[in-house]
Amino acid sequence: MKWYHFGAILIYGSAILYFGYQSYLQLYVYFANKSLGHEESFSMAGKYLGLTTVLIAMSVGGWYLMKYTSMTKLGNVILFFPFIVIGLFALWAIILILSSGGKWN
């Protein structure tokens, strides 16, 4: 594993801590409001829990594939997939802004 793999895993870890903390807060609010008799949607807590679970699975899966098997290319794809998606979205936004004369509409 190279240094940028550890950097990607560090970014994953930071995101996992953030979204895990947010899911904890949303679950606390959900159960506190339920105990007070208020109607509360589980959607925000579920979104944060789902995102945390996906990030954990991708980081552990990518790390395991690169560290313990001979499938390093698949591990790289799994580990860097979110960064590729973010980069493509940023490129799309830049092309959209430049091709429309600086206006969104």
N, C-alpha and C. Protein backbone atom coordinates (compact mmCIF):
# COMPACT_ATOMS: atom_id res chain seq x y z
N MET A 1 0.85 -1.18 0.00
CA MET A 1 0.00 0.00 0.00
C MET A 1 0.88 1.23 0.00
N LYS A 2 0.46 2.21 -0.75
CA LYS A 2 1.23 3.44 -0.89
C LYS A 2 0.68 4.51 0.04
N TRP A 3 1.37 5.66 0.06
CA TRP A 3 0.99 6.72 1.00
C TRP A 3 -0.38 7.29 0.69
N TYR A 4 -0.77 7.36 -0.58
CA TYR A 4 -2.07 7.94 -0.91
C TYR A 4 -3.21 7.01 -0.53
N HIS A 5 -2.94 5.71 -0.40
CA HIS A 5 -3.97 4.81 0.11
C HIS A 5 -4.29 5.14 1.56
N PHE A 6 -3.24 5.40 2.34
CA PHE A 6 -3.47 5.76 3.74
C PHE A 6 -4.18 7.11 3.85
N GLY A 7 -3.86 8.04 2.93
CA GLY A 7 -4.57 9.32 2.91
C GLY A 7 -6.05 9.15 2.61
N ALA A 8 -6.35 8.27 1.66
CA ALA A 8 -7.76 8.01 1.33
C ALA A 8 -8.48 7.36 2.50
N ILE A 9 -7.81 6.42 3.17
CA ILE A 9 -8.43 5.77 4.32
C ILE A 9 -8.60 6.77 5.46
N LEU A 10 -7.68 7.72 5.61
CA LEU A 10 -7.82 8.77 6.62
C LEU A 10 -9.02 9.66 6.31
N ILE A 11 -9.22 9.99 5.05
CA ILE A 11 -10.39 10.79 4.66
C ILE A 11 -11.67 9.99 4.91
N TYR A 12 -11.65 8.71 4.57
CA TYR A 12 -12.79 7.85 4.88
C TYR A 12 -13.07 7.83 6.38
N GLY A 13 -12.02 7.70 7.18
CA GLY A 13 -12.20 7.67 8.62
C GLY A 13 -12.81 8.95 9.15
N SER A 14 -12.37 10.09 8.62
CA SER A 14 -12.94 11.37 9.03
C SER A 14 -14.42 11.45 8.66
N ALA A 15 -14.75 11.01 7.45
CA ALA A 15 -16.15 11.03 7.03
C ALA A 15 -16.99 10.07 7.85
N ILE A 16 -16.43 8.91 8.18
CA ILE A 16 -17.15 7.93 9.00
C ILE A 16 -17.42 8.50 10.39
N LEU A 17 -16.42 9.17 10.97
CA LEU A 17 -16.63 9.78 12.29
C LEU A 17 -17.70 10.86 12.23
N TYR A 18 -17.66 11.69 11.19
CA TYR A 18 -18.64 12.77 11.07
C TYR A 18 -20.05 12.21 10.91
N PHE A 19 -20.24 11.32 9.94
CA PHE A 19 -21.58 10.79 9.69
C PHE A 19 -22.05 9.88 10.82
N GLY A 20 -21.13 9.19 11.48
CA GLY A 20 -21.50 8.40 12.64
C GLY A 20 -21.99 9.29 13.78
N TYR A 21 -21.30 10.41 14.00
CA TYR A 21 -21.73 11.36 15.03
C TYR A 21 -23.09 11.95 14.69
N GLN A 22 -23.29 12.30 13.42
CA GLN A 22 -24.58 12.85 13.01
C GLN A 22 -25.70 11.81 13.17
N SER A 23 -25.40 10.56 12.86
CA SER A 23 -26.43 9.53 13.02
C SER A 23 -26.75 9.31 14.50
N TYR A 24 -25.73 9.39 15.36
CA TYR A 24 -25.97 9.29 16.80
C TYR A 24 -26.88 10.42 17.27
N LEU A 25 -26.60 11.65 16.83
CA LEU A 25 -27.44 12.78 17.23
C LEU A 25 -28.86 12.63 16.71
N GLN A 26 -29.01 12.21 15.47
CA GLN A 26 -30.35 12.05 14.90
C GLN A 26 -31.12 10.93 15.61
N LEU A 27 -30.43 9.85 15.96
CA LEU A 27 -31.10 8.78 16.71
C LEU A 27 -31.52 9.26 18.09
N TYR A 28 -30.67 10.06 18.74
CA TYR A 28 -31.01 10.61 20.05
C TYR A 28 -32.26 11.48 19.95
N VAL A 29 -32.30 12.36 18.95
CA VAL A 29 -33.46 13.23 18.76
C VAL A 29 -34.69 12.40 18.43
N TYR A 30 -34.53 11.38 17.60
CA TYR A 30 -35.66 10.53 17.22
C TYR A 30 -36.28 9.86 18.44
N PHE A 31 -35.43 9.22 19.25
CA PHE A 31 -35.97 8.51 20.41
C PHE A 31 -36.44 9.46 21.50
N ALA A 32 -35.81 10.63 21.63
CA ALA A 32 -36.27 11.61 22.62
C ALA A 32 -37.65 12.13 22.24
N ASN A 33 -37.84 12.43 20.96
CA ASN A 33 -39.15 12.91 20.53
C ASN A 33 -40.21 11.81 20.60
N LYS A 34 -39.83 10.58 20.30
CA LYS A 34 -40.78 9.47 20.41
C LYS A 34 -41.22 9.27 21.87
N SER A 35 -40.28 9.41 22.80
CA SER A 35 -40.64 9.21 24.20
C SER A 35 -41.52 10.34 24.73
N LEU A 36 -41.44 11.51 24.10
CA LEU A 36 -42.31 12.63 24.49
C LEU A 36 -43.65 12.59 23.77
N GLY A 37 -43.83 11.64 22.88
CA GLY A 37 -45.11 11.49 22.19
C GLY A 37 -45.21 12.26 20.89
N HIS A 38 -44.10 12.81 20.40
CA HIS A 38 -44.12 13.55 19.14
C HIS A 38 -43.90 12.60 17.97
N GLU A 39 -44.49 12.94 16.84
CA GLU A 39 -44.25 12.17 15.62
C GLU A 39 -42.92 12.61 15.03
N GLU A 40 -42.06 11.67 14.78
CA GLU A 40 -40.74 11.98 14.26
C GLU A 40 -40.42 10.98 13.15
N SER A 41 -39.82 11.48 12.08
CA SER A 41 -39.44 10.62 10.97
C SER A 41 -38.06 10.02 11.23
N PHE A 42 -37.90 8.78 10.85
CA PHE A 42 -36.62 8.09 11.01
C PHE A 42 -35.71 8.31 9.81
N SER A 43 -36.15 9.11 8.83
CA SER A 43 -35.42 9.20 7.57
C SER A 43 -34.02 9.80 7.74
N MET A 44 -33.87 10.86 8.53
CA MET A 44 -32.54 11.46 8.68
C MET A 44 -31.58 10.52 9.38
N ALA A 45 -32.04 9.90 10.44
CA ALA A 45 -31.17 8.94 11.14
C ALA A 45 -30.84 7.77 10.23
N GLY A 46 -31.80 7.31 9.46
CA GLY A 46 -31.57 6.21 8.53
C GLY A 46 -30.59 6.58 7.43
N LYS A 47 -30.68 7.81 6.92
CA LYS A 47 -29.74 8.25 5.88
C LYS A 47 -28.32 8.28 6.41
N TYR A 48 -28.14 8.85 7.60
CA TYR A 48 -26.80 8.92 8.17
C TYR A 48 -26.26 7.53 8.52
N LEU A 49 -27.11 6.67 9.06
CA LEU A 49 -26.68 5.31 9.37
C LEU A 49 -26.31 4.54 8.10
N GLY A 50 -27.11 4.69 7.05
CA GLY A 50 -26.82 4.03 5.79
C GLY A 50 -25.53 4.51 5.17
N LEU A 51 -25.32 5.83 5.18
CA LEU A 51 -24.09 6.38 4.61
C LEU A 51 -22.87 5.95 5.41
N THR A 52 -22.99 5.93 6.72
CA THR A 52 -21.89 5.45 7.56
C THR A 52 -21.57 3.99 7.27
N THR A 53 -22.60 3.17 7.12
CA THR A 53 -22.40 1.75 6.82
C THR A 53 -21.73 1.55 5.47
N VAL A 54 -22.16 2.31 4.46
CA VAL A 54 -21.56 2.19 3.13
C VAL A 54 -20.10 2.61 3.15
N LEU A 55 -19.79 3.72 3.83
CA LEU A 55 -18.40 4.17 3.90
C LEU A 55 -17.52 3.17 4.64
N ILE A 56 -18.04 2.60 5.72
CA ILE A 56 -17.27 1.58 6.44
C ILE A 56 -17.01 0.38 5.55
N ALA A 57 -18.04 -0.08 4.84
CA ALA A 57 -17.88 -1.24 3.96
C ALA A 57 -16.89 -0.97 2.84
N MET A 58 -16.95 0.22 2.25
CA MET A 58 -16.03 0.54 1.15
C MET A 58 -14.59 0.67 1.64
N SER A 59 -14.39 1.31 2.78
CA SER A 59 -13.02 1.48 3.27
C SER A 59 -12.42 0.15 3.73
N VAL A 60 -13.19 -0.65 4.47
CA VAL A 60 -12.67 -1.94 4.92
C VAL A 60 -12.48 -2.88 3.74
N GLY A 61 -13.43 -2.89 2.80
CA GLY A 61 -13.30 -3.75 1.63
C GLY A 61 -12.11 -3.38 0.77
N GLY A 62 -11.93 -2.10 0.50
CA GLY A 62 -10.78 -1.66 -0.29
C GLY A 62 -9.46 -1.96 0.39
N TRP A 63 -9.40 -1.70 1.70
CA TRP A 63 -8.18 -1.97 2.45
C TRP A 63 -7.87 -3.46 2.45
N TYR A 64 -8.88 -4.29 2.68
CA TYR A 64 -8.67 -5.74 2.73
C TYR A 64 -8.20 -6.27 1.37
N LEU A 65 -8.83 -5.80 0.29
CA LEU A 65 -8.45 -6.29 -1.04
C LEU A 65 -7.04 -5.87 -1.41
N MET A 66 -6.61 -4.69 -0.96
CA MET A 66 -5.25 -4.26 -1.29
C MET A 66 -4.21 -4.89 -0.38
N LYS A 67 -4.58 -5.18 0.83
CA LYS A 67 -3.60 -5.66 1.81
C LYS A 67 -3.41 -7.17 1.78
N TYR A 68 -4.48 -7.95 1.66
CA TYR A 68 -4.39 -9.38 1.87
C TYR A 68 -4.61 -10.24 0.63
N THR A 69 -4.97 -9.67 -0.48
CA THR A 69 -5.19 -10.48 -1.68
C THR A 69 -4.37 -9.93 -2.83
N SER A 70 -4.47 -10.60 -3.96
CA SER A 70 -3.75 -10.14 -5.14
C SER A 70 -4.64 -9.26 -6.02
N MET A 71 -5.77 -8.84 -5.51
CA MET A 71 -6.70 -8.01 -6.28
C MET A 71 -6.54 -6.53 -5.92
N THR A 72 -5.36 -5.99 -6.15
CA THR A 72 -5.12 -4.60 -5.77
C THR A 72 -5.87 -3.63 -6.67
N LYS A 73 -6.06 -3.98 -7.93
CA LYS A 73 -6.79 -3.08 -8.82
C LYS A 73 -8.25 -2.93 -8.39
N LEU A 74 -8.88 -4.02 -8.02
CA LEU A 74 -10.25 -3.95 -7.52
C LEU A 74 -10.30 -3.17 -6.20
N GLY A 75 -9.31 -3.36 -5.35
CA GLY A 75 -9.24 -2.60 -4.11
C GLY A 75 -9.10 -1.11 -4.36
N ASN A 76 -8.28 -0.74 -5.37
CA ASN A 76 -8.14 0.67 -5.73
C ASN A 76 -9.45 1.24 -6.25
N VAL A 77 -10.15 0.47 -7.08
CA VAL A 77 -11.42 0.94 -7.62
C VAL A 77 -12.43 1.16 -6.50
N ILE A 78 -12.52 0.21 -5.58
CA ILE A 78 -13.46 0.35 -4.47
C ILE A 78 -13.08 1.51 -3.57
N LEU A 79 -11.78 1.66 -3.29
CA LEU A 79 -11.33 2.70 -2.37
C LEU A 79 -11.49 4.09 -2.96
N PHE A 80 -11.21 4.26 -4.25
CA PHE A 80 -11.21 5.59 -4.84
C PHE A 80 -12.48 5.91 -5.62
N PHE A 81 -13.49 5.05 -5.60
CA PHE A 81 -14.73 5.31 -6.33
C PHE A 81 -15.42 6.61 -5.92
N PRO A 82 -15.58 6.90 -4.62
CA PRO A 82 -16.23 8.17 -4.26
C PRO A 82 -15.43 9.39 -4.73
N PHE A 83 -14.11 9.31 -4.70
CA PHE A 83 -13.29 10.43 -5.16
C PHE A 83 -13.44 10.63 -6.66
N ILE A 84 -13.57 9.55 -7.41
CA ILE A 84 -13.78 9.64 -8.85
C ILE A 84 -15.14 10.27 -9.14
N VAL A 85 -16.16 9.87 -8.41
CA VAL A 85 -17.50 10.44 -8.60
C VAL A 85 -17.50 11.94 -8.28
N ILE A 86 -16.85 12.33 -7.20
CA ILE A 86 -16.78 13.75 -6.84
C ILE A 86 -16.01 14.53 -7.90
N GLY A 87 -14.92 13.96 -8.40
CA GLY A 87 -14.15 14.62 -9.46
C GLY A 87 -14.95 14.78 -10.74
N LEU A 88 -15.70 13.75 -11.13
CA LEU A 88 -16.53 13.85 -12.33
C LEU A 88 -17.64 14.87 -12.16
N PHE A 89 -18.23 14.94 -10.96
CA PHE A 89 -19.27 15.94 -10.71
C PHE A 89 -18.69 17.35 -10.78
N ALA A 90 -17.50 17.56 -10.22
CA ALA A 90 -16.87 18.88 -10.28
C ALA A 90 -16.55 19.25 -11.72
N LEU A 91 -16.06 18.29 -12.50
CA LEU A 91 -15.78 18.55 -13.91
C LEU A 91 -17.05 18.89 -14.67
N TRP A 92 -18.14 18.18 -14.40
CA TRP A 92 -19.42 18.47 -15.02
C TRP A 92 -19.89 19.88 -14.66
N ALA A 93 -19.75 20.26 -13.40
CA ALA A 93 -20.18 21.60 -12.97
C ALA A 93 -19.35 22.68 -13.65
N ILE A 94 -18.05 22.46 -13.79
CA ILE A 94 -17.20 23.44 -14.46
C ILE A 94 -17.58 23.56 -15.93
N ILE A 95 -17.80 22.44 -16.59
CA ILE A 95 -18.21 22.48 -18.00
C ILE A 95 -19.56 23.16 -18.15
N LEU A 96 -20.47 22.91 -17.24
CA LEU A 96 -21.79 23.53 -17.29
C LEU A 96 -21.69 25.04 -17.13
N ILE A 97 -20.89 25.50 -16.20
CA ILE A 97 -20.74 26.94 -15.97
C ILE A 97 -20.05 27.60 -17.16
N LEU A 98 -19.00 26.99 -17.68
CA LEU A 98 -18.27 27.58 -18.80
C LEU A 98 -19.08 27.58 -20.09
N SER A 99 -19.86 26.57 -20.32
CA SER A 99 -20.62 26.49 -21.57
C SER A 99 -21.87 27.36 -21.55
N SER A 100 -22.30 27.79 -20.38
CA SER A 100 -23.52 28.61 -20.32
C SER A 100 -23.21 30.08 -20.11
N GLY A 101 -21.99 30.47 -20.26
CA GLY A 101 -21.65 31.88 -20.10
C GLY A 101 -21.63 32.33 -18.64
N GLY A 102 -21.46 31.43 -17.71
CA GLY A 102 -21.38 31.78 -16.30
C GLY A 102 -22.69 31.77 -15.57
N LYS A 103 -23.78 31.39 -16.26
CA LYS A 103 -25.10 31.35 -15.61
C LYS A 103 -25.56 29.91 -15.48
N TRP A 104 -26.27 29.62 -14.41
CA TRP A 104 -26.80 28.28 -14.21
C TRP A 104 -28.06 28.06 -15.03
N ASN A 105 -28.87 29.08 -15.19
CA ASN A 105 -30.16 28.91 -15.88
C ASN A 105 -30.05 29.28 -17.33
